Amino acid sequence: MQQELLKKAIEAQKNAHAPYSHKHIGAAVLMDNGRVYNGCNVENASYGGTVCAERVAIFKAISEGARQIKEVLVVSSEPNPWPPCGFCRQVIAEFATPDTKIHLSNPEGHSRTLRFIELFPEAFGPSHLQK
């Protein structure tokens, strides 16, 4: 499955709109419905309007009815693949479990895999808001 996620993330990475950072990022998420959704970063001149690749992929999945993340793969063209930013970690926390696999990769195939709890220990999530 990781190879399929990498392929989809690289495919999305090619569509990144990154005129400010010049960092093209792609992501792919495997959801509970068995489908893979991908996304790229979309930067905006008003920096707060920028959306990361991970969130684009997750929002696409949620908007199409999926509800739980099974795996995430983020691809950057950096020698040491980048992890999701804090905003993305928080969005992942909403739809993942502590054991959800998070793959960090680059197009050359250098990668490492973490469990979400290793990436974002003590994440604030829906359980904190339950009565």
N, C-alpha and C. Protein backbone atom coordinates (compact mmCIF):
# COMPACT_ATOMS: atom_id res chain seq x y z
N MET A 1 0.82 -1.20 0.00
CA MET A 1 0.00 0.00 0.00
C MET A 1 0.87 1.26 0.00
N GLN A 2 2.01 1.22 0.68
CA GLN A 2 2.86 2.40 0.75
C GLN A 2 3.30 2.86 -0.64
N GLN A 3 3.57 1.92 -1.54
CA GLN A 3 3.99 2.30 -2.90
C GLN A 3 2.85 2.98 -3.65
N GLU A 4 1.63 2.50 -3.45
CA GLU A 4 0.48 3.15 -4.10
C GLU A 4 0.30 4.57 -3.56
N LEU A 5 0.45 4.72 -2.25
CA LEU A 5 0.34 6.05 -1.66
C LEU A 5 1.43 6.98 -2.19
N LEU A 6 2.66 6.46 -2.31
CA LEU A 6 3.75 7.28 -2.83
C LEU A 6 3.46 7.72 -4.26
N LYS A 7 2.97 6.81 -5.07
CA LYS A 7 2.65 7.14 -6.47
C LYS A 7 1.61 8.25 -6.53
N LYS A 8 0.56 8.14 -5.72
CA LYS A 8 -0.51 9.14 -5.72
C LYS A 8 -0.02 10.48 -5.17
N ALA A 9 0.85 10.44 -4.17
CA ALA A 9 1.38 11.67 -3.59
C ALA A 9 2.29 12.39 -4.59
N ILE A 10 3.12 11.65 -5.30
CA ILE A 10 4.00 12.25 -6.31
C ILE A 10 3.17 12.85 -7.44
N GLU A 11 2.11 12.16 -7.80
CA GLU A 11 1.19 12.66 -8.83
C GLU A 11 0.61 14.02 -8.42
N ALA A 12 0.19 14.12 -7.16
CA ALA A 12 -0.38 15.38 -6.66
C ALA A 12 0.70 16.46 -6.52
N GLN A 13 1.89 16.05 -6.10
CA GLN A 13 3.00 17.00 -5.90
C GLN A 13 3.25 17.82 -7.16
N LYS A 14 3.07 17.22 -8.30
CA LYS A 14 3.31 17.90 -9.58
C LYS A 14 2.35 19.08 -9.79
N ASN A 15 1.22 19.08 -9.09
CA ASN A 15 0.23 20.14 -9.25
C ASN A 15 0.34 21.23 -8.19
N ALA A 16 1.34 21.14 -7.33
CA ALA A 16 1.47 22.13 -6.26
C ALA A 16 1.55 23.55 -6.81
N HIS A 17 0.92 24.45 -6.09
CA HIS A 17 0.99 25.88 -6.41
C HIS A 17 1.84 26.50 -5.30
N ALA A 18 3.14 26.66 -5.57
CA ALA A 18 4.08 27.10 -4.53
C ALA A 18 4.98 28.24 -5.02
N PRO A 19 4.38 29.36 -5.46
CA PRO A 19 5.19 30.45 -5.99
C PRO A 19 5.97 31.21 -4.92
N TYR A 20 5.70 30.99 -3.64
CA TYR A 20 6.35 31.74 -2.57
C TYR A 20 7.43 30.91 -1.89
N SER A 21 7.11 29.71 -1.48
CA SER A 21 8.10 28.85 -0.81
C SER A 21 8.93 28.06 -1.82
N HIS A 22 8.37 27.83 -2.99
CA HIS A 22 8.99 26.98 -4.02
C HIS A 22 9.19 25.55 -3.52
N LYS A 23 8.41 25.14 -2.54
CA LYS A 23 8.45 23.79 -2.00
C LYS A 23 7.18 23.07 -2.43
N HIS A 24 7.33 22.10 -3.29
CA HIS A 24 6.20 21.35 -3.81
C HIS A 24 6.02 20.10 -2.96
N ILE A 25 4.85 20.00 -2.34
CA ILE A 25 4.54 18.91 -1.43
C ILE A 25 3.32 18.16 -1.97
N GLY A 26 3.34 16.86 -1.83
CA GLY A 26 2.20 16.03 -2.19
C GLY A 26 1.84 15.14 -1.01
N ALA A 27 0.60 14.73 -0.95
CA ALA A 27 0.15 13.83 0.11
C ALA A 27 -0.89 12.88 -0.44
N ALA A 28 -0.97 11.73 0.19
CA ALA A 28 -2.01 10.76 -0.12
C ALA A 28 -2.47 10.13 1.19
N VAL A 29 -3.76 9.93 1.30
CA VAL A 29 -4.33 9.31 2.51
C VAL A 29 -5.17 8.10 2.11
N LEU A 30 -4.98 7.02 2.84
CA LEU A 30 -5.82 5.84 2.71
C LEU A 30 -6.89 5.97 3.78
N MET A 31 -8.14 5.89 3.35
CA MET A 31 -9.26 6.09 4.28
C MET A 31 -9.98 4.77 4.57
N ASP A 32 -10.89 4.84 5.53
CA ASP A 32 -11.63 3.66 5.97
C ASP A 32 -12.51 3.06 4.89
N ASN A 33 -12.81 3.78 3.84
CA ASN A 33 -13.62 3.24 2.74
C ASN A 33 -12.76 2.52 1.70
N GLY A 34 -11.44 2.42 1.96
CA GLY A 34 -10.53 1.73 1.06
C GLY A 34 -9.99 2.58 -0.07
N ARG A 35 -10.45 3.82 -0.18
CA ARG A 35 -10.01 4.71 -1.26
C ARG A 35 -8.80 5.53 -0.83
N VAL A 36 -8.01 5.91 -1.82
CA VAL A 36 -6.86 6.79 -1.61
C VAL A 36 -7.21 8.15 -2.20
N TYR A 37 -6.99 9.20 -1.42
CA TYR A 37 -7.21 10.58 -1.84
C TYR A 37 -5.87 11.29 -1.80
N ASN A 38 -5.63 12.16 -2.77
CA ASN A 38 -4.36 12.86 -2.77
C ASN A 38 -4.58 14.36 -2.82
N GLY A 39 -3.52 15.10 -2.53
CA GLY A 39 -3.60 16.55 -2.56
C GLY A 39 -2.21 17.16 -2.62
N CYS A 40 -2.15 18.43 -2.98
CA CYS A 40 -0.89 19.17 -3.05
C CYS A 40 -1.05 20.46 -2.25
N ASN A 41 0.08 21.08 -1.92
CA ASN A 41 0.00 22.37 -1.24
C ASN A 41 -0.45 23.44 -2.23
N VAL A 42 -1.27 24.36 -1.73
CA VAL A 42 -1.78 25.47 -2.53
C VAL A 42 -1.50 26.74 -1.73
N GLU A 43 -0.47 27.47 -2.17
CA GLU A 43 -0.08 28.68 -1.48
C GLU A 43 -0.92 29.86 -1.95
N ASN A 44 -0.94 30.90 -1.10
CA ASN A 44 -1.73 32.09 -1.38
C ASN A 44 -0.92 33.31 -0.97
N ALA A 45 -1.04 34.41 -1.70
CA ALA A 45 -0.31 35.63 -1.37
C ALA A 45 -0.62 36.10 0.05
N SER A 46 -1.82 35.85 0.52
CA SER A 46 -2.16 36.06 1.92
C SER A 46 -1.83 34.75 2.62
N TYR A 47 -0.64 34.66 3.17
CA TYR A 47 -0.09 33.38 3.63
C TYR A 47 -1.05 32.53 4.46
N GLY A 48 -1.90 33.18 5.23
CA GLY A 48 -2.86 32.42 6.03
C GLY A 48 -3.85 31.63 5.19
N GLY A 49 -3.98 31.99 3.93
CA GLY A 49 -4.88 31.27 3.02
C GLY A 49 -4.26 30.04 2.41
N THR A 50 -2.99 29.80 2.70
CA THR A 50 -2.29 28.62 2.17
C THR A 50 -2.84 27.36 2.83
N VAL A 51 -2.97 26.29 2.04
CA VAL A 51 -3.41 25.00 2.57
C VAL A 51 -2.37 23.95 2.19
N CYS A 52 -1.96 23.17 3.17
CA CYS A 52 -0.96 22.12 2.96
C CYS A 52 -1.55 20.92 2.23
N ALA A 53 -0.68 20.15 1.63
CA ALA A 53 -1.08 18.97 0.86
C ALA A 53 -1.87 17.97 1.70
N GLU A 54 -1.43 17.76 2.92
CA GLU A 54 -2.11 16.78 3.78
C GLU A 54 -3.56 17.17 4.02
N ARG A 55 -3.78 18.46 4.31
CA ARG A 55 -5.14 18.91 4.57
C ARG A 55 -6.00 18.88 3.32
N VAL A 56 -5.42 19.19 2.17
CA VAL A 56 -6.18 19.10 0.92
C VAL A 56 -6.66 17.66 0.72
N ALA A 57 -5.77 16.70 0.89
CA ALA A 57 -6.14 15.28 0.70
C ALA A 57 -7.20 14.85 1.71
N ILE A 58 -7.01 15.23 2.97
CA ILE A 58 -7.97 14.82 4.01
C ILE A 58 -9.32 15.48 3.78
N PHE A 59 -9.33 16.77 3.45
CA PHE A 59 -10.60 17.46 3.22
C PHE A 59 -11.34 16.87 2.01
N LYS A 60 -10.60 16.48 0.98
CA LYS A 60 -11.24 15.81 -0.17
C LYS A 60 -11.91 14.52 0.30
N ALA A 61 -11.20 13.75 1.11
CA ALA A 61 -11.73 12.47 1.59
C ALA A 61 -12.99 12.67 2.44
N ILE A 62 -12.92 13.60 3.37
CA ILE A 62 -14.06 13.85 4.25
C ILE A 62 -15.24 14.37 3.44
N SER A 63 -14.97 15.24 2.47
CA SER A 63 -16.07 15.80 1.67
C SER A 63 -16.75 14.74 0.81
N GLU A 64 -16.08 13.61 0.62
CA GLU A 64 -16.67 12.52 -0.17
C GLU A 64 -17.17 11.38 0.70
N GLY A 65 -17.26 11.61 2.03
CA GLY A 65 -17.91 10.65 2.91
C GLY A 65 -17.00 9.75 3.73
N ALA A 66 -15.70 9.77 3.52
CA ALA A 66 -14.79 8.96 4.35
C ALA A 66 -14.71 9.60 5.73
N ARG A 67 -14.37 8.81 6.74
CA ARG A 67 -14.36 9.35 8.09
C ARG A 67 -13.11 9.02 8.90
N GLN A 68 -12.38 7.97 8.56
CA GLN A 68 -11.21 7.62 9.37
C GLN A 68 -10.00 7.40 8.49
N ILE A 69 -8.88 8.00 8.90
CA ILE A 69 -7.61 7.83 8.19
C ILE A 69 -6.96 6.52 8.62
N LYS A 70 -6.54 5.74 7.65
CA LYS A 70 -5.80 4.50 7.92
C LYS A 70 -4.29 4.72 7.78
N GLU A 71 -3.88 5.48 6.74
CA GLU A 71 -2.46 5.78 6.51
C GLU A 71 -2.36 7.14 5.82
N VAL A 72 -1.23 7.81 6.07
CA VAL A 72 -0.92 9.09 5.42
C VAL A 72 0.48 8.97 4.84
N LEU A 73 0.69 9.48 3.65
CA LEU A 73 2.04 9.59 3.09
C LEU A 73 2.23 11.03 2.62
N VAL A 74 3.33 11.63 3.06
CA VAL A 74 3.69 12.99 2.66
C VAL A 74 4.98 12.90 1.87
N VAL A 75 4.99 13.51 0.69
CA VAL A 75 6.19 13.50 -0.14
C VAL A 75 6.69 14.93 -0.33
N SER A 76 7.97 15.11 -0.05
CA SER A 76 8.66 16.38 -0.33
C SER A 76 9.91 16.03 -1.11
N SER A 77 10.49 17.00 -1.75
CA SER A 77 11.70 16.74 -2.54
C SER A 77 12.97 16.98 -1.74
N GLU A 78 12.86 16.94 -0.45
CA GLU A 78 13.99 17.16 0.44
C GLU A 78 14.75 15.85 0.69
N PRO A 79 16.07 15.92 0.86
CA PRO A 79 16.84 14.69 1.16
C PRO A 79 16.34 13.97 2.42
N ASN A 80 15.97 14.77 3.43
CA ASN A 80 15.38 14.23 4.66
C ASN A 80 13.90 14.59 4.61
N PRO A 81 13.02 13.66 4.22
CA PRO A 81 11.61 13.97 3.99
C PRO A 81 10.96 14.72 5.16
N TRP A 82 10.14 15.70 4.80
CA TRP A 82 9.48 16.55 5.79
C TRP A 82 8.27 15.88 6.42
N PRO A 83 8.04 16.14 7.72
CA PRO A 83 6.82 15.68 8.38
C PRO A 83 5.70 16.71 8.22
N PRO A 84 4.48 16.35 8.56
CA PRO A 84 3.38 17.31 8.52
C PRO A 84 3.61 18.45 9.51
N CYS A 85 3.14 19.64 9.17
CA CYS A 85 3.23 20.79 10.07
C CYS A 85 2.24 20.62 11.23
N GLY A 86 2.26 21.56 12.14
CA GLY A 86 1.38 21.50 13.30
C GLY A 86 -0.10 21.53 12.95
N PHE A 87 -0.49 22.42 12.00
CA PHE A 87 -1.89 22.46 11.57
C PHE A 87 -2.32 21.10 11.03
N CYS A 88 -1.48 20.51 10.20
CA CYS A 88 -1.82 19.22 9.60
C CYS A 88 -1.91 18.12 10.65
N ARG A 89 -0.99 18.15 11.61
CA ARG A 89 -1.04 17.16 12.69
C ARG A 89 -2.36 17.25 13.44
N GLN A 90 -2.83 18.48 13.67
CA GLN A 90 -4.09 18.65 14.38
C GLN A 90 -5.26 18.12 13.56
N VAL A 91 -5.26 18.35 12.25
CA VAL A 91 -6.33 17.82 11.40
C VAL A 91 -6.26 16.30 11.35
N ILE A 92 -5.06 15.75 11.24
CA ILE A 92 -4.91 14.29 11.27
C ILE A 92 -5.47 13.74 12.57
N ALA A 93 -5.20 14.41 13.69
CA ALA A 93 -5.68 13.95 15.00
C ALA A 93 -7.20 13.80 15.04
N GLU A 94 -7.90 14.61 14.27
CA GLU A 94 -9.36 14.55 14.24
C GLU A 94 -9.88 13.26 13.62
N PHE A 95 -9.10 12.67 12.70
CA PHE A 95 -9.60 11.54 11.90
C PHE A 95 -8.74 10.28 11.98
N ALA A 96 -7.71 10.29 12.81
CA ALA A 96 -6.80 9.15 12.89
C ALA A 96 -6.85 8.51 14.28
N THR A 97 -6.17 7.40 14.39
CA THR A 97 -5.97 6.76 15.70
C THR A 97 -4.51 6.92 16.08
N PRO A 98 -4.15 6.66 17.32
CA PRO A 98 -2.74 6.77 17.70
C PRO A 98 -1.83 5.87 16.86
N ASP A 99 -2.36 4.76 16.37
CA ASP A 99 -1.55 3.81 15.59
C ASP A 99 -1.56 4.04 14.09
N THR A 100 -2.26 5.06 13.62
CA THR A 100 -2.28 5.36 12.19
C THR A 100 -0.86 5.55 11.69
N LYS A 101 -0.53 4.91 10.57
CA LYS A 101 0.81 5.04 10.00
C LYS A 101 0.96 6.35 9.25
N ILE A 102 2.08 7.03 9.52
CA ILE A 102 2.43 8.27 8.83
C ILE A 102 3.76 8.01 8.12
N HIS A 103 3.74 8.03 6.80
CA HIS A 103 4.94 7.79 6.00
C HIS A 103 5.49 9.13 5.52
N LEU A 104 6.77 9.33 5.68
CA LEU A 104 7.46 10.53 5.20
C LEU A 104 8.40 10.08 4.11
N SER A 105 8.30 10.66 2.93
CA SER A 105 9.06 10.14 1.80
C SER A 105 9.51 11.27 0.88
N ASN A 106 10.42 10.91 -0.04
CA ASN A 106 10.76 11.79 -1.14
C ASN A 106 10.67 10.97 -2.43
N PRO A 107 10.69 11.61 -3.58
CA PRO A 107 10.51 10.87 -4.84
C PRO A 107 11.56 9.80 -5.11
N GLU A 108 12.72 9.95 -4.48
CA GLU A 108 13.78 8.94 -4.67
C GLU A 108 13.55 7.69 -3.81
N GLY A 109 12.52 7.71 -2.98
CA GLY A 109 12.18 6.54 -2.19
C GLY A 109 12.76 6.51 -0.78
N HIS A 110 13.47 7.57 -0.39
CA HIS A 110 13.92 7.64 1.00
C HIS A 110 12.69 7.89 1.86
N SER A 111 12.48 7.03 2.84
CA SER A 111 11.28 7.19 3.65
C SER A 111 11.48 6.65 5.05
N ARG A 112 10.59 7.07 5.89
CA ARG A 112 10.49 6.49 7.23
C ARG A 112 9.03 6.52 7.63
N THR A 113 8.68 5.63 8.51
CA THR A 113 7.29 5.49 8.94
C THR A 113 7.21 5.63 10.45
N LEU A 114 6.24 6.42 10.87
CA LEU A 114 5.96 6.61 12.29
C LEU A 114 4.50 6.29 12.56
N ARG A 115 4.22 5.95 13.80
CA ARG A 115 2.82 5.89 14.22
C ARG A 115 2.43 7.32 14.58
N PHE A 116 1.17 7.67 14.40
CA PHE A 116 0.74 9.04 14.65
C PHE A 116 1.10 9.49 16.07
N ILE A 117 0.98 8.61 17.04
CA ILE A 117 1.28 8.98 18.43
C ILE A 117 2.75 9.38 18.60
N GLU A 118 3.63 8.82 17.76
CA GLU A 118 5.04 9.20 17.81
C GLU A 118 5.26 10.58 17.21
N LEU A 119 4.47 10.90 16.22
CA LEU A 119 4.56 12.19 15.54
C LEU A 119 3.93 13.31 16.36
N PHE A 120 2.85 12.99 17.06
CA PHE A 120 2.08 14.02 17.78
C PHE A 120 1.57 13.45 19.10
N PRO A 121 2.49 13.24 20.06
CA PRO A 121 2.04 12.72 21.35
C PRO A 121 1.18 13.76 22.07
N GLU A 122 0.25 13.29 22.85
CA GLU A 122 -0.64 14.18 23.61
C GLU A 122 -1.46 15.09 22.71
N ALA A 123 -1.85 14.60 21.56
CA ALA A 123 -2.66 15.40 20.64
C ALA A 123 -4.02 15.73 21.26
N PHE A 124 -4.47 16.93 21.02
CA PHE A 124 -5.81 17.36 21.42
C PHE A 124 -6.77 16.81 20.38
N GLY A 125 -7.80 16.12 20.83
CA GLY A 125 -8.72 15.51 19.88
C GLY A 125 -10.15 15.54 20.35
N PRO A 126 -11.03 14.91 19.59
CA PRO A 126 -12.46 14.91 19.90
C PRO A 126 -12.77 14.40 21.31
N SER A 127 -11.98 13.47 21.82
CA SER A 127 -12.26 12.92 23.15
C SER A 127 -12.13 13.98 24.23
N HIS A 128 -11.35 15.02 24.01
CA HIS A 128 -11.20 16.08 25.00
C HIS A 128 -12.49 16.91 25.14
N LEU A 129 -13.33 16.88 24.14
CA LEU A 129 -14.54 17.69 24.15
C LEU A 129 -15.79 16.91 24.52
N GLN A 130 -15.63 15.61 24.78
CA GLN A 130 -16.78 14.80 25.17
C GLN A 130 -17.12 15.04 26.63
N LYS A 131 -18.41 15.02 26.90
CA LYS A 131 -18.85 15.24 28.30
C LYS A 131 -18.68 13.99 29.11
